[in-house]
Amino acid sequence: MSDPAERFARLTMLLEDIHGLAVEGQRADQPHEHLLVLSSQICNGLQRGTAICAEIDQLCGGSQ
């Protein structure tokens, strides 16, 4: 995929997924083990998001 618009769409989908994980973690009765899983998934998603941002920047001729 070399279209920046497609990458941006992937980024927004990823952010929506991360938001869902964050909302899920806000329940007061979460076991600590589940919070660890959610935290790991959020961190992994943010890392993927950073990579996608760098790809968009590169494809658009930015400086990242």
PDB file of N, CA and C in Angstrom:
ATOM      1  N   MET A   1       0.848  -1.162   0.000  1.00  0.00           N
ATOM      2  CA  MET A   1       0.000   0.000   0.000  1.00  0.00           C
ATOM      3  C   MET A   1       0.904   1.239   0.000  1.00  0.00           C
ATOM      4  N   SER A   2       0.753   2.088  -1.008  1.00  0.00           N
ATOM      5  CA  SER A   2       1.614   3.259  -1.089  1.00  0.00           C
ATOM      6  C   SER A   2       0.825   4.564  -1.052  1.00  0.00           C
ATOM      7  N   ASP A   3      -0.480   4.500  -0.871  1.00  0.00           N
ATOM      8  CA  ASP A   3      -1.313   5.689  -0.844  1.00  0.00           C
ATOM      9  C   ASP A   3      -1.411   6.236   0.581  1.00  0.00           C
ATOM     10  N   PRO A   4      -0.979   7.480   0.794  1.00  0.00           N
ATOM     11  CA  PRO A   4      -1.058   8.042   2.139  1.00  0.00           C
ATOM     12  C   PRO A   4      -2.488   8.057   2.696  1.00  0.00           C
ATOM     13  N   ALA A   5      -3.475   8.270   1.853  1.00  0.00           N
ATOM     14  CA  ALA A   5      -4.862   8.297   2.316  1.00  0.00           C
ATOM     15  C   ALA A   5      -5.283   6.934   2.869  1.00  0.00           C
ATOM     16  N   GLU A   6      -4.828   5.863   2.232  1.00  0.00           N
ATOM     17  CA  GLU A   6      -5.136   4.525   2.731  1.00  0.00           C
ATOM     18  C   GLU A   6      -4.452   4.294   4.078  1.00  0.00           C
ATOM     19  N   ARG A   7      -3.240   4.746   4.203  1.00  0.00           N
ATOM     20  CA  ARG A   7      -2.527   4.604   5.476  1.00  0.00           C
ATOM     21  C   ARG A   7      -3.212   5.418   6.566  1.00  0.00           C
ATOM     22  N   PHE A   8      -3.693   6.609   6.201  1.00  0.00           N
ATOM     23  CA  PHE A   8      -4.391   7.427   7.186  1.00  0.00           C
ATOM     24  C   PHE A   8      -5.683   6.740   7.631  1.00  0.00           C
ATOM     25  N   ALA A   9      -6.366   6.101   6.702  1.00  0.00           N
ATOM     26  CA  ALA A   9      -7.572   5.350   7.061  1.00  0.00           C
ATOM     27  C   ALA A   9      -7.220   4.221   8.027  1.00  0.00           C
ATOM     28  N   ARG A  10      -6.114   3.519   7.768  1.00  0.00           N
ATOM     29  CA  ARG A  10      -5.665   2.459   8.693  1.00  0.00           C
ATOM     30  C   ARG A  10      -5.365   3.035  10.070  1.00  0.00           C
ATOM     31  N   LEU A  11      -4.744   4.217  10.091  1.00  0.00           N
ATOM     32  CA  LEU A  11      -4.416   4.863  11.356  1.00  0.00           C
ATOM     33  C   LEU A  11      -5.683   5.194  12.136  1.00  0.00           C
ATOM     34  N   THR A  12      -6.677   5.759  11.471  1.00  0.00           N
ATOM     35  CA  THR A  12      -7.900   6.116  12.186  1.00  0.00           C
ATOM     36  C   THR A  12      -8.631   4.871  12.683  1.00  0.00           C
ATOM     37  N   MET A  13      -8.609   3.791  11.909  1.00  0.00           N
ATOM     38  CA  MET A  13      -9.225   2.543  12.378  1.00  0.00           C
ATOM     39  C   MET A  13      -8.503   2.028  13.625  1.00  0.00           C
ATOM     40  N   LEU A  14      -7.178   2.097  13.600  1.00  0.00           N
ATOM     41  CA  LEU A  14      -6.386   1.661  14.746  1.00  0.00           C
ATOM     42  C   LEU A  14      -6.704   2.500  15.978  1.00  0.00           C
ATOM     43  N   LEU A  15      -6.815   3.806  15.799  1.00  0.00           N
ATOM     44  CA  LEU A  15      -7.134   4.683  16.921  1.00  0.00           C
ATOM     45  C   LEU A  15      -8.516   4.371  17.496  1.00  0.00           C
ATOM     46  N   GLU A  16      -9.453   4.038  16.630  1.00  0.00           N
ATOM     47  CA  GLU A  16     -10.784   3.641  17.112  1.00  0.00           C
ATOM     48  C   GLU A  16     -10.697   2.363  17.939  1.00  0.00           C
ATOM     49  N   ASP A  17      -9.886   1.420  17.485  1.00  0.00           N
ATOM     50  CA  ASP A  17      -9.696   0.178  18.246  1.00  0.00           C
ATOM     51  C   ASP A  17      -9.066   0.458  19.609  1.00  0.00           C
ATOM     52  N   ILE A  18      -8.052   1.323  19.623  1.00  0.00           N
ATOM     53  CA  ILE A  18      -7.394   1.679  20.877  1.00  0.00           C
ATOM     54  C   ILE A  18      -8.379   2.371  21.815  1.00  0.00           C
ATOM     55  N   HIS A  19      -9.198   3.221  21.264  1.00  0.00           N
ATOM     56  CA  HIS A  19     -10.212   3.885  22.082  1.00  0.00           C
ATOM     57  C   HIS A  19     -11.145   2.859  22.713  1.00  0.00           C
ATOM     58  N   GLY A  20     -11.548   1.855  21.958  1.00  0.00           N
ATOM     59  CA  GLY A  20     -12.401   0.798  22.500  1.00  0.00           C
ATOM     60  C   GLY A  20     -11.745   0.073  23.655  1.00  0.00           C
ATOM     61  N   LEU A  21     -10.460  -0.189  23.545  1.00  0.00           N
ATOM     62  CA  LEU A  21      -9.736  -0.831  24.636  1.00  0.00           C
ATOM     63  C   LEU A  21      -9.702   0.062  25.868  1.00  0.00           C
ATOM     64  N   ALA A  22      -9.493   1.352  25.654  1.00  0.00           N
ATOM     65  CA  ALA A  22      -9.453   2.287  26.772  1.00  0.00           C
ATOM     66  C   ALA A  22     -10.799   2.346  27.482  1.00  0.00           C
ATOM     67  N   VAL A  23     -11.863   2.380  26.718  1.00  0.00           N
ATOM     68  CA  VAL A  23     -13.200   2.412  27.314  1.00  0.00           C
ATOM     69  C   VAL A  23     -13.454   1.130  28.105  1.00  0.00           C
ATOM     70  N   GLU A  24     -13.061   0.005  27.537  1.00  0.00           N
ATOM     71  CA  GLU A  24     -13.244  -1.276  28.229  1.00  0.00           C
ATOM     72  C   GLU A  24     -12.513  -1.287  29.568  1.00  0.00           C
ATOM     73  N   GLY A  25     -11.359  -0.676  29.622  1.00  0.00           N
ATOM     74  CA  GLY A  25     -10.559  -0.665  30.842  1.00  0.00           C
ATOM     75  C   GLY A  25     -11.081   0.265  31.921  1.00  0.00           C
ATOM     76  N   GLN A  26     -12.056   1.090  31.609  1.00  0.00           N
ATOM     77  CA  GLN A  26     -12.566   2.040  32.588  1.00  0.00           C
ATOM     78  C   GLN A  26     -13.559   1.431  33.567  1.00  0.00           C
ATOM     79  N   ARG A  27     -13.994   0.216  33.314  1.00  0.00           N
ATOM     80  CA  ARG A  27     -14.901  -0.432  34.260  1.00  0.00           C
ATOM     81  C   ARG A  27     -14.186  -0.620  35.597  1.00  0.00           C
ATOM     82  N   ALA A  28     -14.877  -0.317  36.658  1.00  0.00           N
ATOM     83  CA  ALA A  28     -14.259  -0.357  37.991  1.00  0.00           C
ATOM     84  C   ALA A  28     -13.960  -1.767  38.479  1.00  0.00           C
ATOM     85  N   ASP A  29     -14.620  -2.764  37.918  1.00  0.00           N
ATOM     86  CA  ASP A  29     -14.477  -4.135  38.434  1.00  0.00           C
ATOM     87  C   ASP A  29     -13.510  -4.994  37.617  1.00  0.00           C
ATOM     88  N   GLN A  30     -12.599  -4.378  36.899  1.00  0.00           N
ATOM     89  CA  GLN A  30     -11.661  -5.130  36.066  1.00  0.00           C
ATOM     90  C   GLN A  30     -10.640  -5.868  36.925  1.00  0.00           C
ATOM     91  N   PRO A  31     -10.430  -7.146  36.673  1.00  0.00           N
ATOM     92  CA  PRO A  31      -9.319  -7.836  37.349  1.00  0.00           C
ATOM     93  C   PRO A  31      -7.979  -7.280  36.850  1.00  0.00           C
ATOM     94  N   HIS A  32      -7.007  -7.289  37.721  1.00  0.00           N
ATOM     95  CA  HIS A  32      -5.688  -6.752  37.352  1.00  0.00           C
ATOM     96  C   HIS A  32      -5.114  -7.448  36.126  1.00  0.00           C
ATOM     97  N   GLU A  33      -5.348  -8.737  35.995  1.00  0.00           N
ATOM     98  CA  GLU A  33      -4.815  -9.482  34.846  1.00  0.00           C
ATOM     99  C   GLU A  33      -5.388  -8.941  33.532  1.00  0.00           C
ATOM    100  N   HIS A  34      -6.678  -8.596  33.563  1.00  0.00           N
ATOM    101  CA  HIS A  34      -7.314  -8.066  32.347  1.00  0.00           C
ATOM    102  C   HIS A  34      -6.773  -6.675  32.028  1.00  0.00           C
ATOM    103  N   LEU A  35      -6.529  -5.874  33.054  1.00  0.00           N
ATOM    104  CA  LEU A  35      -5.948  -4.548  32.833  1.00  0.00           C
ATOM    105  C   LEU A  35      -4.550  -4.652  32.225  1.00  0.00           C
ATOM    106  N   LEU A  36      -3.790  -5.660  32.642  1.00  0.00           N
ATOM    107  CA  LEU A  36      -2.460  -5.874  32.045  1.00  0.00           C
ATOM    108  C   LEU A  36      -2.575  -6.193  30.560  1.00  0.00           C
ATOM    109  N   VAL A  37      -3.553  -7.021  30.212  1.00  0.00           N
ATOM    110  CA  VAL A  37      -3.766  -7.369  28.807  1.00  0.00           C
ATOM    111  C   VAL A  37      -4.179  -6.132  28.016  1.00  0.00           C
ATOM    112  N   LEU A  38      -5.133  -5.380  28.553  1.00  0.00           N
ATOM    113  CA  LEU A  38      -5.572  -4.163  27.862  1.00  0.00           C
ATOM    114  C   LEU A  38      -4.427  -3.178  27.700  1.00  0.00           C
ATOM    115  N   SER A  39      -3.633  -3.007  28.747  1.00  0.00           N
ATOM    116  CA  SER A  39      -2.499  -2.092  28.688  1.00  0.00           C
ATOM    117  C   SER A  39      -1.504  -2.517  27.606  1.00  0.00           C
ATOM    118  N   SER A  40      -1.225  -3.798  27.541  1.00  0.00           N
ATOM    119  CA  SER A  40      -0.312  -4.314  26.521  1.00  0.00           C
ATOM    120  C   SER A  40      -0.868  -4.082  25.123  1.00  0.00           C
ATOM    121  N   GLN A  41      -2.160  -4.330  24.953  1.00  0.00           N
ATOM    122  CA  GLN A  41      -2.784  -4.133  23.639  1.00  0.00           C
ATOM    123  C   GLN A  41      -2.761  -2.660  23.237  1.00  0.00           C
ATOM    124  N   ILE A  42      -2.996  -1.776  24.191  1.00  0.00           N
ATOM    125  CA  ILE A  42      -2.950  -0.348  23.900  1.00  0.00           C
ATOM    126  C   ILE A  42      -1.529   0.061  23.509  1.00  0.00           C
ATOM    127  N   CYS A  43      -0.538  -0.394  24.259  1.00  0.00           N
ATOM    128  CA  CYS A  43       0.863  -0.063  23.940  1.00  0.00           C
ATOM    129  C   CYS A  43       1.257  -0.565  22.554  1.00  0.00           C
ATOM    130  N   ASN A  44       0.864  -1.801  22.240  1.00  0.00           N
ATOM    131  CA  ASN A  44       1.168  -2.350  20.914  1.00  0.00           C
ATOM    132  C   ASN A  44       0.485  -1.532  19.823  1.00  0.00           C
ATOM    133  N   GLY A  45      -0.758  -1.142  20.066  1.00  0.00           N
ATOM    134  CA  GLY A  45      -1.476  -0.327  19.087  1.00  0.00           C
ATOM    135  C   GLY A  45      -0.819   1.025  18.882  1.00  0.00           C
ATOM    136  N   LEU A  46      -0.364   1.637  19.962  1.00  0.00           N
ATOM    137  CA  LEU A  46       0.311   2.927  19.837  1.00  0.00           C
ATOM    138  C   LEU A  46       1.612   2.801  19.057  1.00  0.00           C
ATOM    139  N   GLN A  47       2.322   1.702  19.252  1.00  0.00           N
ATOM    140  CA  GLN A  47       3.556   1.481  18.491  1.00  0.00           C
ATOM    141  C   GLN A  47       3.249   1.312  17.003  1.00  0.00           C
ATOM    142  N   ARG A  48       2.193   0.550  16.697  1.00  0.00           N
ATOM    143  CA  ARG A  48       1.781   0.406  15.294  1.00  0.00           C
ATOM    144  C   ARG A  48       1.369   1.765  14.724  1.00  0.00           C
ATOM    145  N   GLY A  49       0.678   2.556  15.537  1.00  0.00           N
ATOM    146  CA  GLY A  49       0.268   3.885  15.089  1.00  0.00           C
ATOM    147  C   GLY A  49       1.451   4.781  14.791  1.00  0.00           C
ATOM    148  N   THR A  50       2.465   4.704  15.625  1.00  0.00           N
ATOM    149  CA  THR A  50       3.683   5.488  15.386  1.00  0.00           C
ATOM    150  C   THR A  50       4.326   5.097  14.062  1.00  0.00           C
ATOM    151  N   ALA A  51       4.362   3.808  13.774  1.00  0.00           N
ATOM    152  CA  ALA A  51       4.939   3.336  12.512  1.00  0.00           C
ATOM    153  C   ALA A  51       4.118   3.823  11.321  1.00  0.00           C
ATOM    154  N   ILE A  52       2.815   3.776  11.451  1.00  0.00           N
ATOM    155  CA  ILE A  52       1.957   4.245  10.354  1.00  0.00           C
ATOM    156  C   ILE A  52       2.159   5.746  10.135  1.00  0.00           C
ATOM    157  N   CYS A  53       2.260   6.512  11.218  1.00  0.00           N
ATOM    158  CA  CYS A  53       2.509   7.954  11.089  1.00  0.00           C
ATOM    159  C   CYS A  53       3.825   8.223  10.358  1.00  0.00           C
ATOM    160  N   ALA A  54       4.840   7.461  10.681  1.00  0.00           N
ATOM    161  CA  ALA A  54       6.133   7.625  10.007  1.00  0.00           C
ATOM    162  C   ALA A  54       6.015   7.299   8.524  1.00  0.00           C
ATOM    163  N   GLU A  55       5.254   6.255   8.188  1.00  0.00           N
ATOM    164  CA  GLU A  55       5.045   5.899   6.777  1.00  0.00           C
ATOM    165  C   GLU A  55       4.312   7.016   6.038  1.00  0.00           C
ATOM    166  N   ILE A  56       3.286   7.566   6.667  1.00  0.00           N
ATOM    167  CA  ILE A  56       2.538   8.668   6.033  1.00  0.00           C
ATOM    168  C   ILE A  56       3.468   9.850   5.812  1.00  0.00           C
ATOM    169  N   ASP A  57       4.242  10.174   6.826  1.00  0.00           N
ATOM    170  CA  ASP A  57       5.172  11.293   6.729  1.00  0.00           C
ATOM    171  C   ASP A  57       6.161  11.077   5.592  1.00  0.00           C
ATOM    172  N   GLN A  58       6.689   9.874   5.499  1.00  0.00           N
ATOM    173  CA  GLN A  58       7.660   9.564   4.446  1.00  0.00           C
ATOM    174  C   GLN A  58       7.010   9.659   3.063  1.00  0.00           C
ATOM    175  N   LEU A  59       5.816   9.102   2.932  1.00  0.00           N
ATOM    176  CA  LEU A  59       5.135   9.118   1.634  1.00  0.00           C
ATOM    177  C   LEU A  59       4.751  10.533   1.204  1.00  0.00           C
ATOM    178  N   CYS A  60       4.515  11.411   2.178  1.00  0.00           N
ATOM    179  CA  CYS A  60       4.126  12.795   1.863  1.00  0.00           C
ATOM    180  C   CYS A  60       5.325  13.733   1.802  1.00  0.00           C
ATOM    181  N   GLY A  61       6.526  13.182   1.974  1.00  0.00           N
ATOM    182  CA  GLY A  61       7.735  13.996   1.876  1.00  0.00           C
ATOM    183  C   GLY A  61       8.052  14.789   3.120  1.00  0.00           C
ATOM    184  N   GLY A  62       7.549  14.327   4.261  1.00  0.00           N
ATOM    185  CA  GLY A  62       7.818  15.013   5.530  1.00  0.00           C
ATOM    186  C   GLY A  62       9.179  14.692   6.073  1.00  0.00           C
ATOM    187  N   SER A  63       9.427  15.120   7.307  1.00  0.00           N
ATOM    188  CA  SER A  63      10.779  15.013   7.869  1.00  0.00           C
ATOM    189  C   SER A  63      10.932  14.003   8.975  1.00  0.00           C
ATOM    190  N   GLN A  64       9.915  13.188   9.301  1.00  0.00           N
ATOM    191  CA  GLN A  64      10.064  12.251  10.428  1.00  0.00           C
ATOM    192  C   GLN A  64      11.062  11.211  10.148  1.00  0.00           C
TER     193      GLN A  64
END
